[in-house]
Protein backbone atom coordinates (compact mmCIF):
# COMPACT_ATOMS: atom_id res chain seq x y z
CA MET A 1 0.00 0.00 0.00
CA ASN A 2 1.31 3.46 -0.93
CA ARG A 3 2.22 5.80 1.91
CA TYR A 4 0.92 8.76 -0.13
CA ARG A 5 -2.51 9.14 -1.72
CA SER A 6 -4.41 11.38 -4.10
CA GLY A 7 -4.98 14.83 -2.61
CA ASP A 8 -1.77 14.80 -0.58
CA HIS A 9 0.82 17.54 -0.84
CA VAL A 10 4.44 17.04 0.12
CA LYS A 11 6.79 19.82 1.20
CA VAL A 12 10.18 19.75 -0.51
CA GLU A 13 13.27 21.91 -0.09
CA PHE A 14 14.63 23.41 -3.29
CA ILE A 15 18.13 24.88 -3.44
CA ASP A 16 18.99 27.42 -6.13
CA GLU A 17 22.18 26.14 -7.77
CA GLU A 18 23.56 29.61 -8.47
CA SER A 19 22.81 31.46 -5.23
CA GLY A 20 22.55 28.53 -2.81
CA GLN A 21 19.33 30.02 -1.41
CA ARG A 22 16.82 27.54 0.00
CA GLU A 23 13.08 27.56 -0.54
CA TRP A 24 10.40 25.14 0.69
CA MET A 25 7.48 24.52 -1.63
CA TRP A 26 4.51 22.18 -1.88
CA VAL A 27 4.28 19.48 -4.54
CA ALA A 28 0.80 18.10 -5.33
CA PHE A 29 1.01 14.30 -5.30
CA ASP A 30 0.09 12.41 -8.49
CA TYR A 31 1.48 8.92 -7.84
CA ALA A 32 4.27 7.10 -6.03
CA ASP A 33 6.78 4.39 -6.82
CA ASP A 34 7.25 2.81 -3.39
CA GLY A 35 9.87 0.38 -4.70
CA ASN A 36 12.15 3.21 -5.80
CA ARG A 37 10.93 5.52 -3.00
CA LEU A 38 9.81 8.28 -5.39
CA VAL A 39 6.83 10.61 -5.43
CA PHE A 40 5.70 12.14 -8.72
CA GLY A 41 3.69 15.33 -8.80
CA ARG A 42 3.38 18.97 -9.82
CA LEU A 43 4.87 22.02 -8.14
CA ASP A 44 1.95 23.71 -6.38
CA ALA A 45 3.67 26.93 -5.32
CA GLN A 46 5.03 29.92 -7.19
CA PRO A 47 8.82 29.97 -6.67
CA ILE A 48 10.14 33.21 -5.19
CA LEU A 49 13.86 32.49 -4.94
CA ASN A 50 14.42 29.51 -7.21
CA SER A 51 14.32 30.17 -10.94
CA GLY A 52 15.14 26.54 -11.76
CA VAL A 53 11.53 25.39 -11.29
CA ARG A 54 8.11 26.80 -12.17
CA LEU A 55 4.54 26.51 -10.95
CA GLY A 56 2.89 23.35 -12.33
CA GLN A 57 6.18 21.72 -13.33
CA GLN A 58 6.16 17.90 -13.18
CA LEU A 59 8.67 16.61 -10.62
CA ALA A 60 10.00 13.37 -9.19
CA VAL A 61 10.94 13.64 -5.52
CA SER A 62 12.80 11.09 -3.42
CA TYR A 63 11.10 10.10 -0.16
CA GLY A 64 14.26 11.31 1.61
CA GLU A 65 13.72 14.87 0.31
CA ILE A 66 10.18 15.19 1.72
CA LEU A 67 9.99 17.40 4.80
CA ASP A 68 6.24 17.21 5.46
CA ARG A 69 2.99 15.80 4.10
CA ARG A 70 -0.41 17.48 4.27
CA ARG A 71 -3.91 17.05 2.99
CA PHE A 72 -5.43 20.48 2.52
CA ALA A 73 -9.15 21.09 3.04
CA LYS A 74 -9.60 22.31 -0.52
CA SER A 75 -7.33 20.92 -3.22
CA THR A 76 -5.84 23.26 -5.81
CA ASP A 77 -5.98 20.42 -8.34
CA PRO A 78 -8.85 21.10 -10.78
CA ASN A 79 -8.98 17.37 -11.63
CA SER A 80 -9.88 16.41 -8.03
CA ARG A 81 -13.35 18.02 -8.03
């Protein structure tokens, strides 16, 4: 059984390669690969410091990079309604 489910958001730390600045943003969960310990989803926050990623970008995130998991009362995913 997956440890993450539809509607979850995971908080991930992003580090800007040029400046070294750190930014924590939410990734909306799409699916997981428990065998390889990866979560796949879309960036659900507008980056302020990190120009290497953009809102809505598809990402793969290692379980080890996840700082938090939340299920928000109202999802920002238009496909979840």
